Amino acid sequence: MDQQAAPTENKGVTVKQLSSVDLGPEIEGMGGRQLRLRMITIEPGGYVGIHSHKDRPGAVYVLQGKITNHLGDMAKEYGEGEAWSENKETMHWVENKGTIPVILIATDIFKQP
């Protein structure tokens, strides 16, 4: 499936926020931004719809299972113990093609609403 056919909604996804830090008092110039750590579970056949990381850099670690990361015309599979980073040019979606739930540990810096 290419980016044109990428899903825009999530399916079979559960997100649990594990921790967060208001960066304004911690780092000059970071007012209104927060660092957060989340656990994302994606059921077999589930996916996180296409989204951008502009103004929201992050990193993802695969704790369990295998996940397919669709980035442009490329699709790359990541397994347990592997990680990737997300920068301002990242526009992607991920899917679980496997038979067990995928568990990701994700951290990012985002603007508070």
N, C-alpha and C. Protein backbone atom coordinates (compact mmCIF):
# COMPACT_ATOMS: atom_id res chain seq x y z
N MET A 1 0.85 -1.18 0.00
CA MET A 1 0.00 0.00 0.00
C MET A 1 0.90 1.24 0.00
N ASP A 2 0.69 2.17 -0.92
CA ASP A 2 1.52 3.37 -0.99
C ASP A 2 0.90 4.49 -0.15
N GLN A 3 1.58 5.64 -0.10
CA GLN A 3 1.11 6.75 0.72
C GLN A 3 -0.27 7.23 0.25
N GLN A 4 -0.57 7.13 -1.06
CA GLN A 4 -1.88 7.55 -1.57
C GLN A 4 -2.99 6.72 -0.94
N ALA A 5 -2.73 5.44 -0.70
CA ALA A 5 -3.74 4.54 -0.15
C ALA A 5 -3.59 4.36 1.36
N ALA A 6 -2.74 5.13 1.98
CA ALA A 6 -2.49 5.00 3.42
C ALA A 6 -3.74 5.34 4.22
N PRO A 7 -4.00 4.60 5.29
CA PRO A 7 -5.15 4.91 6.13
C PRO A 7 -4.96 6.26 6.83
N THR A 8 -6.07 6.94 7.07
CA THR A 8 -6.01 8.24 7.75
C THR A 8 -6.47 8.13 9.20
N GLU A 9 -7.07 7.01 9.56
CA GLU A 9 -7.53 6.78 10.92
C GLU A 9 -6.72 5.64 11.53
N ASN A 10 -6.84 5.47 12.85
CA ASN A 10 -6.20 4.35 13.54
C ASN A 10 -7.17 3.19 13.66
N LYS A 11 -6.63 1.97 13.71
CA LYS A 11 -7.45 0.77 13.91
C LYS A 11 -6.69 -0.16 14.85
N GLY A 12 -7.36 -0.63 15.91
CA GLY A 12 -6.75 -1.59 16.82
C GLY A 12 -5.57 -1.05 17.60
N VAL A 13 -5.64 0.24 17.95
CA VAL A 13 -4.53 0.92 18.62
C VAL A 13 -4.96 1.37 20.02
N THR A 14 -4.12 1.07 21.01
CA THR A 14 -4.32 1.55 22.37
C THR A 14 -3.06 2.33 22.77
N VAL A 15 -3.28 3.52 23.33
CA VAL A 15 -2.15 4.36 23.75
C VAL A 15 -2.25 4.63 25.24
N LYS A 16 -1.15 4.39 25.95
CA LYS A 16 -1.08 4.67 27.38
C LYS A 16 0.09 5.62 27.62
N GLN A 17 -0.20 6.79 28.19
CA GLN A 17 0.88 7.72 28.52
C GLN A 17 1.56 7.24 29.79
N LEU A 18 2.88 7.07 29.72
CA LEU A 18 3.64 6.57 30.86
C LEU A 18 4.22 7.69 31.71
N SER A 19 4.62 8.79 31.05
CA SER A 19 5.24 9.90 31.76
C SER A 19 5.27 11.12 30.85
N SER A 20 5.40 12.30 31.46
CA SER A 20 5.56 13.53 30.67
C SER A 20 6.28 14.58 31.52
N VAL A 21 6.92 15.51 30.81
CA VAL A 21 7.64 16.61 31.46
C VAL A 21 7.32 17.89 30.71
N ASP A 22 6.91 18.92 31.44
CA ASP A 22 6.73 20.25 30.85
C ASP A 22 8.12 20.83 30.65
N LEU A 23 8.51 21.06 29.38
CA LEU A 23 9.88 21.49 29.09
C LEU A 23 10.11 22.99 29.30
N GLY A 24 9.04 23.78 29.40
CA GLY A 24 9.19 25.23 29.58
C GLY A 24 10.08 25.61 30.75
N PRO A 25 9.82 25.08 31.95
CA PRO A 25 10.65 25.41 33.10
C PRO A 25 12.04 24.75 33.06
N GLU A 26 12.21 23.76 32.20
CA GLU A 26 13.45 22.99 32.16
C GLU A 26 14.49 23.54 31.18
N ILE A 27 14.03 24.00 30.01
CA ILE A 27 14.94 24.43 28.94
C ILE A 27 14.45 25.76 28.37
N GLU A 28 15.32 26.75 28.37
CA GLU A 28 14.96 28.06 27.84
C GLU A 28 14.52 27.92 26.38
N GLY A 29 13.43 28.60 26.04
CA GLY A 29 12.91 28.58 24.68
C GLY A 29 11.98 27.42 24.38
N MET A 30 11.71 26.58 25.36
CA MET A 30 10.85 25.41 25.13
C MET A 30 9.46 25.57 25.75
N GLY A 31 9.09 26.80 26.07
CA GLY A 31 7.77 27.06 26.64
C GLY A 31 6.67 26.50 25.75
N GLY A 32 5.68 25.86 26.37
CA GLY A 32 4.56 25.30 25.63
C GLY A 32 4.84 23.93 25.02
N ARG A 33 6.02 23.40 25.26
CA ARG A 33 6.36 22.07 24.72
C ARG A 33 6.49 21.06 25.86
N GLN A 34 6.18 19.84 25.52
CA GLN A 34 6.21 18.77 26.50
C GLN A 34 6.95 17.57 25.93
N LEU A 35 7.70 16.89 26.78
CA LEU A 35 8.32 15.62 26.44
C LEU A 35 7.43 14.53 27.03
N ARG A 36 7.03 13.57 26.20
CA ARG A 36 6.17 12.51 26.72
C ARG A 36 6.70 11.14 26.32
N LEU A 37 6.37 10.17 27.14
CA LEU A 37 6.73 8.77 26.92
C LEU A 37 5.43 7.97 26.92
N ARG A 38 5.21 7.21 25.83
CA ARG A 38 3.96 6.46 25.71
C ARG A 38 4.23 5.00 25.34
N MET A 39 3.30 4.15 25.73
CA MET A 39 3.30 2.76 25.28
C MET A 39 2.13 2.63 24.30
N ILE A 40 2.44 2.18 23.08
CA ILE A 40 1.43 2.06 22.04
C ILE A 40 1.31 0.58 21.68
N THR A 41 0.11 0.04 21.82
CA THR A 41 -0.16 -1.35 21.46
C THR A 41 -0.99 -1.37 20.19
N ILE A 42 -0.53 -2.15 19.20
CA ILE A 42 -1.24 -2.27 17.93
C ILE A 42 -1.58 -3.75 17.74
N GLU A 43 -2.87 -4.03 17.70
CA GLU A 43 -3.34 -5.41 17.55
C GLU A 43 -3.02 -5.94 16.15
N PRO A 44 -2.97 -7.28 15.98
CA PRO A 44 -2.75 -7.84 14.65
C PRO A 44 -3.78 -7.27 13.66
N GLY A 45 -3.31 -6.83 12.50
CA GLY A 45 -4.18 -6.21 11.51
C GLY A 45 -4.44 -4.74 11.77
N GLY A 46 -3.93 -4.22 12.87
CA GLY A 46 -4.15 -2.82 13.23
C GLY A 46 -3.10 -1.91 12.62
N TYR A 47 -3.37 -0.61 12.72
CA TYR A 47 -2.45 0.38 12.16
C TYR A 47 -2.66 1.75 12.80
N VAL A 48 -1.62 2.56 12.71
CA VAL A 48 -1.69 3.99 13.05
C VAL A 48 -1.70 4.71 11.71
N GLY A 49 -2.76 5.49 11.47
CA GLY A 49 -2.92 6.19 10.20
C GLY A 49 -1.80 7.18 9.91
N ILE A 50 -1.73 7.58 8.66
CA ILE A 50 -0.67 8.47 8.20
C ILE A 50 -0.68 9.78 8.99
N HIS A 51 0.50 10.22 9.39
CA HIS A 51 0.63 11.44 10.17
C HIS A 51 2.03 12.02 9.99
N SER A 52 2.16 13.29 10.34
CA SER A 52 3.41 14.03 10.19
C SER A 52 4.07 14.24 11.55
N HIS A 53 5.38 14.37 11.53
CA HIS A 53 6.12 14.70 12.75
C HIS A 53 6.70 16.10 12.68
N LYS A 54 6.17 16.93 11.80
CA LYS A 54 6.59 18.33 11.75
C LYS A 54 6.28 18.94 13.11
N ASP A 55 7.25 19.58 13.71
CA ASP A 55 7.12 20.17 15.05
C ASP A 55 6.90 19.13 16.15
N ARG A 56 7.18 17.85 15.87
CA ARG A 56 7.00 16.79 16.86
C ARG A 56 8.02 15.67 16.65
N PRO A 57 9.32 15.96 16.91
CA PRO A 57 10.33 14.91 16.75
C PRO A 57 10.15 13.82 17.80
N GLY A 58 10.56 12.62 17.42
CA GLY A 58 10.41 11.52 18.36
C GLY A 58 11.30 10.35 18.04
N ALA A 59 11.18 9.32 18.87
CA ALA A 59 11.90 8.07 18.68
C ALA A 59 10.99 6.94 19.16
N VAL A 60 11.09 5.79 18.49
CA VAL A 60 10.23 4.65 18.78
C VAL A 60 11.09 3.40 18.96
N TYR A 61 10.76 2.59 19.97
CA TYR A 61 11.44 1.34 20.27
C TYR A 61 10.41 0.21 20.22
N VAL A 62 10.74 -0.88 19.55
CA VAL A 62 9.83 -2.03 19.47
C VAL A 62 10.11 -2.96 20.65
N LEU A 63 9.15 -3.05 21.55
CA LEU A 63 9.28 -3.89 22.73
C LEU A 63 8.83 -5.33 22.44
N GLN A 64 7.80 -5.46 21.59
CA GLN A 64 7.26 -6.79 21.27
C GLN A 64 6.73 -6.79 19.85
N GLY A 65 6.94 -7.89 19.13
CA GLY A 65 6.38 -8.08 17.80
C GLY A 65 7.20 -7.46 16.69
N LYS A 66 6.57 -7.36 15.52
CA LYS A 66 7.19 -6.75 14.34
C LYS A 66 6.21 -5.73 13.77
N ILE A 67 6.73 -4.57 13.39
CA ILE A 67 5.91 -3.48 12.86
C ILE A 67 6.45 -3.07 11.50
N THR A 68 5.55 -2.74 10.58
CA THR A 68 5.96 -2.24 9.27
C THR A 68 5.74 -0.74 9.26
N ASN A 69 6.81 0.00 9.00
CA ASN A 69 6.80 1.46 8.96
C ASN A 69 6.80 1.89 7.49
N HIS A 70 5.73 2.55 7.06
CA HIS A 70 5.59 3.03 5.68
C HIS A 70 6.00 4.49 5.63
N LEU A 71 7.08 4.76 4.89
CA LEU A 71 7.63 6.11 4.79
C LEU A 71 7.87 6.39 3.31
N GLY A 72 7.03 7.25 2.71
CA GLY A 72 7.13 7.49 1.28
C GLY A 72 6.85 6.21 0.52
N ASP A 73 7.72 5.87 -0.43
CA ASP A 73 7.56 4.64 -1.22
C ASP A 73 8.20 3.44 -0.56
N MET A 74 8.79 3.63 0.61
CA MET A 74 9.49 2.55 1.31
C MET A 74 8.63 1.97 2.43
N ALA A 75 8.79 0.68 2.65
CA ALA A 75 8.19 0.01 3.80
C ALA A 75 9.31 -0.78 4.46
N LYS A 76 9.53 -0.53 5.74
CA LYS A 76 10.60 -1.22 6.46
C LYS A 76 10.02 -1.88 7.70
N GLU A 77 10.43 -3.13 7.91
CA GLU A 77 9.97 -3.87 9.08
C GLU A 77 10.97 -3.73 10.21
N TYR A 78 10.45 -3.50 11.42
CA TYR A 78 11.27 -3.41 12.63
C TYR A 78 10.79 -4.48 13.60
N GLY A 79 11.75 -5.18 14.21
CA GLY A 79 11.42 -6.22 15.17
C GLY A 79 11.81 -5.84 16.59
N GLU A 80 11.56 -6.75 17.50
CA GLU A 80 11.87 -6.53 18.91
C GLU A 80 13.31 -6.07 19.08
N GLY A 81 13.49 -5.03 19.89
CA GLY A 81 14.82 -4.51 20.18
C GLY A 81 15.32 -3.49 19.18
N GLU A 82 14.55 -3.22 18.12
CA GLU A 82 14.96 -2.23 17.13
C GLU A 82 14.24 -0.91 17.37
N ALA A 83 14.80 0.16 16.81
CA ALA A 83 14.24 1.50 17.02
C ALA A 83 14.43 2.35 15.78
N TRP A 84 13.67 3.45 15.70
CA TRP A 84 13.86 4.44 14.64
C TRP A 84 13.54 5.82 15.19
N SER A 85 14.03 6.83 14.47
CA SER A 85 13.76 8.21 14.88
C SER A 85 12.80 8.86 13.88
N GLU A 86 12.15 9.92 14.34
CA GLU A 86 11.17 10.65 13.53
C GLU A 86 11.51 12.13 13.62
N ASN A 87 11.69 12.78 12.45
CA ASN A 87 12.05 14.19 12.43
C ASN A 87 11.01 15.00 11.66
N LYS A 88 11.29 16.28 11.44
CA LYS A 88 10.32 17.18 10.82
C LYS A 88 9.93 16.76 9.41
N GLU A 89 10.72 15.91 8.77
CA GLU A 89 10.40 15.46 7.42
C GLU A 89 9.67 14.11 7.40
N THR A 90 9.43 13.54 8.57
CA THR A 90 8.78 12.23 8.65
C THR A 90 7.27 12.37 8.46
N MET A 91 6.76 11.72 7.41
CA MET A 91 5.32 11.58 7.15
C MET A 91 5.14 10.09 6.90
N HIS A 92 4.47 9.40 7.83
CA HIS A 92 4.43 7.94 7.73
C HIS A 92 3.19 7.36 8.38
N TRP A 93 3.06 6.04 8.23
CA TRP A 93 2.06 5.26 8.95
C TRP A 93 2.66 3.90 9.25
N VAL A 94 2.15 3.23 10.27
CA VAL A 94 2.69 1.93 10.67
C VAL A 94 1.55 0.91 10.76
N GLU A 95 1.90 -0.36 10.49
CA GLU A 95 0.89 -1.41 10.58
C GLU A 95 1.48 -2.69 11.15
N ASN A 96 0.62 -3.44 11.81
CA ASN A 96 0.99 -4.74 12.37
C ASN A 96 0.47 -5.82 11.44
N LYS A 97 1.37 -6.42 10.67
CA LYS A 97 1.01 -7.50 9.75
C LYS A 97 1.14 -8.87 10.43
N GLY A 98 1.56 -8.87 11.68
CA GLY A 98 1.83 -10.12 12.39
C GLY A 98 0.61 -10.73 13.05
N THR A 99 0.88 -11.73 13.89
CA THR A 99 -0.20 -12.47 14.56
C THR A 99 -0.26 -12.20 16.06
N ILE A 100 0.67 -11.38 16.57
CA ILE A 100 0.64 -11.00 17.99
C ILE A 100 0.62 -9.48 18.08
N PRO A 101 0.12 -8.94 19.20
CA PRO A 101 0.14 -7.48 19.35
C PRO A 101 1.56 -6.93 19.32
N VAL A 102 1.71 -5.79 18.70
CA VAL A 102 2.98 -5.06 18.70
C VAL A 102 2.92 -4.07 19.86
N ILE A 103 3.99 -4.00 20.63
CA ILE A 103 4.08 -3.00 21.70
C ILE A 103 5.27 -2.10 21.38
N LEU A 104 4.98 -0.81 21.25
CA LEU A 104 6.00 0.20 20.98
C LEU A 104 6.15 1.10 22.19
N ILE A 105 7.37 1.55 22.45
CA ILE A 105 7.62 2.59 23.43
C ILE A 105 8.03 3.81 22.62
N ALA A 106 7.24 4.87 22.71
CA ALA A 106 7.46 6.06 21.89
C ALA A 106 7.66 7.29 22.77
N THR A 107 8.63 8.10 22.39
CA THR A 107 8.85 9.37 23.07
C THR A 107 8.84 10.47 22.02
N ASP A 108 8.29 11.61 22.38
CA ASP A 108 8.29 12.74 21.46
C ASP A 108 8.21 14.05 22.22
N ILE A 109 8.53 15.12 21.51
CA ILE A 109 8.39 16.48 22.02
C ILE A 109 7.29 17.13 21.21
N PHE A 110 6.26 17.64 21.89
CA PHE A 110 5.14 18.22 21.16
C PHE A 110 4.67 19.51 21.81
N LYS A 111 3.97 20.32 21.02
CA LYS A 111 3.37 21.55 21.53
C LYS A 111 2.09 21.20 22.25
N GLN A 112 1.95 21.73 23.45
CA GLN A 112 0.73 21.50 24.20
C GLN A 112 -0.41 22.26 23.53
N PRO A 113 -1.59 21.65 23.47
CA PRO A 113 -2.74 22.33 22.82
C PRO A 113 -3.18 23.56 23.58
